[in-house]
Amino acid sequence: MIVVTHEIGFAREVADNVVFMDAGVVVEQGPPSAVLDTPRHERTRAFLSKVL
């Protein structure tokens, strides 16, 4: 099942894999702990700093 959300807490709890997209392009993907706790890409870090 694919779920699209900006609710990061929800995504962290239920996702097996998180995909962060920007302008229709996959920027980063992986386990929630990797993408949400230690993002590798600046665009992911910028988004998370605004919503967390």
N, C-alpha and C. Protein backbone atom coordinates (compact mmCIF):
# COMPACT_ATOMS: atom_id res chain seq x y z
N MET A 1 0.84 -1.16 0.00
CA MET A 1 0.00 0.00 0.00
C MET A 1 0.90 1.24 0.00
N ILE A 2 0.53 2.22 -0.77
CA ILE A 2 1.23 3.50 -0.80
C ILE A 2 0.35 4.54 -0.13
N VAL A 3 0.92 5.28 0.81
CA VAL A 3 0.22 6.34 1.50
C VAL A 3 1.04 7.62 1.33
N VAL A 4 0.40 8.68 0.92
CA VAL A 4 1.07 9.98 0.78
C VAL A 4 0.63 10.83 1.96
N THR A 5 1.63 11.38 2.70
CA THR A 5 1.30 12.17 3.88
C THR A 5 2.41 13.16 4.20
N HIS A 6 2.05 14.22 4.86
CA HIS A 6 3.02 15.13 5.45
C HIS A 6 3.05 14.95 6.96
N GLU A 7 2.29 13.98 7.47
CA GLU A 7 2.28 13.67 8.90
C GLU A 7 3.46 12.76 9.22
N ILE A 8 4.56 13.36 9.61
CA ILE A 8 5.81 12.63 9.78
C ILE A 8 5.73 11.60 10.90
N GLY A 9 5.07 11.93 11.99
CA GLY A 9 4.92 10.96 13.09
C GLY A 9 4.18 9.72 12.65
N PHE A 10 3.12 9.91 11.89
CA PHE A 10 2.35 8.79 11.35
C PHE A 10 3.23 7.96 10.42
N ALA A 11 3.92 8.61 9.52
CA ALA A 11 4.79 7.90 8.58
C ALA A 11 5.86 7.09 9.31
N ARG A 12 6.43 7.70 10.34
CA ARG A 12 7.48 7.01 11.12
C ARG A 12 6.94 5.73 11.77
N GLU A 13 5.71 5.80 12.25
CA GLU A 13 5.12 4.65 12.96
C GLU A 13 4.70 3.51 12.04
N VAL A 14 4.15 3.83 10.87
CA VAL A 14 3.52 2.78 10.07
C VAL A 14 4.32 2.35 8.84
N ALA A 15 5.30 3.15 8.42
CA ALA A 15 5.99 2.85 7.17
C ALA A 15 7.10 1.83 7.34
N ASP A 16 7.23 0.97 6.34
CA ASP A 16 8.40 0.10 6.22
C ASP A 16 9.49 0.82 5.44
N ASN A 17 9.06 1.68 4.52
CA ASN A 17 9.96 2.42 3.65
C ASN A 17 9.37 3.81 3.45
N VAL A 18 10.23 4.84 3.51
CA VAL A 18 9.80 6.22 3.29
C VAL A 18 10.46 6.72 2.01
N VAL A 19 9.68 7.40 1.19
CA VAL A 19 10.21 8.00 -0.03
C VAL A 19 9.94 9.50 0.07
N PHE A 20 10.99 10.30 -0.01
CA PHE A 20 10.84 11.75 -0.02
C PHE A 20 10.99 12.22 -1.46
N MET A 21 9.97 12.94 -1.93
CA MET A 21 9.97 13.43 -3.31
C MET A 21 9.92 14.95 -3.32
N ASP A 22 10.51 15.53 -4.35
CA ASP A 22 10.46 16.97 -4.57
C ASP A 22 10.29 17.21 -6.06
N ALA A 23 9.23 17.91 -6.43
CA ALA A 23 8.93 18.22 -7.84
C ALA A 23 8.82 16.95 -8.68
N GLY A 24 8.25 15.91 -8.08
CA GLY A 24 8.03 14.66 -8.81
C GLY A 24 9.24 13.77 -8.95
N VAL A 25 10.31 14.11 -8.28
CA VAL A 25 11.55 13.34 -8.36
C VAL A 25 11.85 12.75 -6.99
N VAL A 26 12.22 11.47 -6.95
CA VAL A 26 12.61 10.82 -5.69
C VAL A 26 13.96 11.40 -5.28
N VAL A 27 13.98 12.02 -4.10
CA VAL A 27 15.20 12.62 -3.57
C VAL A 27 15.92 11.65 -2.64
N GLU A 28 15.13 10.93 -1.85
CA GLU A 28 15.71 10.05 -0.85
C GLU A 28 14.70 8.98 -0.49
N GLN A 29 15.19 7.78 -0.22
CA GLN A 29 14.29 6.71 0.22
C GLN A 29 15.04 5.75 1.11
N GLY A 30 14.27 5.07 1.97
CA GLY A 30 14.86 4.10 2.87
C GLY A 30 13.98 3.90 4.08
N PRO A 31 14.49 3.21 5.08
CA PRO A 31 13.73 3.00 6.31
C PRO A 31 13.44 4.34 6.98
N PRO A 32 12.30 4.44 7.67
CA PRO A 32 11.95 5.71 8.32
C PRO A 32 13.07 6.26 9.21
N SER A 33 13.74 5.41 9.96
CA SER A 33 14.80 5.90 10.85
C SER A 33 15.93 6.57 10.06
N ALA A 34 16.26 6.04 8.90
CA ALA A 34 17.34 6.62 8.09
C ALA A 34 16.91 7.93 7.46
N VAL A 35 15.76 7.94 6.82
CA VAL A 35 15.32 9.12 6.08
C VAL A 35 14.87 10.24 7.02
N LEU A 36 14.17 9.91 8.08
CA LEU A 36 13.60 10.94 8.94
C LEU A 36 14.53 11.38 10.07
N ASP A 37 15.40 10.51 10.53
CA ASP A 37 16.30 10.87 11.63
C ASP A 37 17.66 11.36 11.14
N THR A 38 18.15 10.81 10.05
CA THR A 38 19.46 11.20 9.53
C THR A 38 19.41 11.33 8.01
N PRO A 39 18.63 12.29 7.51
CA PRO A 39 18.52 12.44 6.06
C PRO A 39 19.87 12.83 5.44
N ARG A 40 20.13 12.31 4.24
CA ARG A 40 21.40 12.58 3.57
C ARG A 40 21.34 13.82 2.69
N HIS A 41 20.17 14.16 2.19
CA HIS A 41 20.05 15.25 1.22
C HIS A 41 19.56 16.54 1.87
N GLU A 42 20.10 17.65 1.41
CA GLU A 42 19.75 18.96 1.97
C GLU A 42 18.26 19.25 1.82
N ARG A 43 17.66 18.88 0.70
CA ARG A 43 16.24 19.16 0.48
C ARG A 43 15.39 18.43 1.51
N THR A 44 15.73 17.20 1.84
CA THR A 44 15.02 16.45 2.86
C THR A 44 15.19 17.12 4.22
N ARG A 45 16.41 17.51 4.56
CA ARG A 45 16.67 18.18 5.84
C ARG A 45 15.89 19.48 5.94
N ALA A 46 15.84 20.25 4.86
CA ALA A 46 15.11 21.53 4.87
C ALA A 46 13.63 21.31 5.12
N PHE A 47 13.03 20.33 4.44
CA PHE A 47 11.61 20.04 4.64
C PHE A 47 11.34 19.61 6.07
N LEU A 48 12.13 18.68 6.56
CA LEU A 48 11.91 18.16 7.91
C LEU A 48 12.09 19.24 8.97
N SER A 49 12.99 20.17 8.75
CA SER A 49 13.19 21.23 9.74
C SER A 49 11.96 22.13 9.84
N LYS A 50 11.15 22.18 8.80
CA LYS A 50 9.94 23.01 8.82
C LYS A 50 8.73 22.29 9.40
N VAL A 51 8.70 20.97 9.30
CA VAL A 51 7.51 20.24 9.75
C VAL A 51 7.67 19.54 11.08
N LEU A 52 8.88 19.43 11.56
CA LEU A 52 9.08 18.75 12.86
C LEU A 52 9.20 19.73 13.99
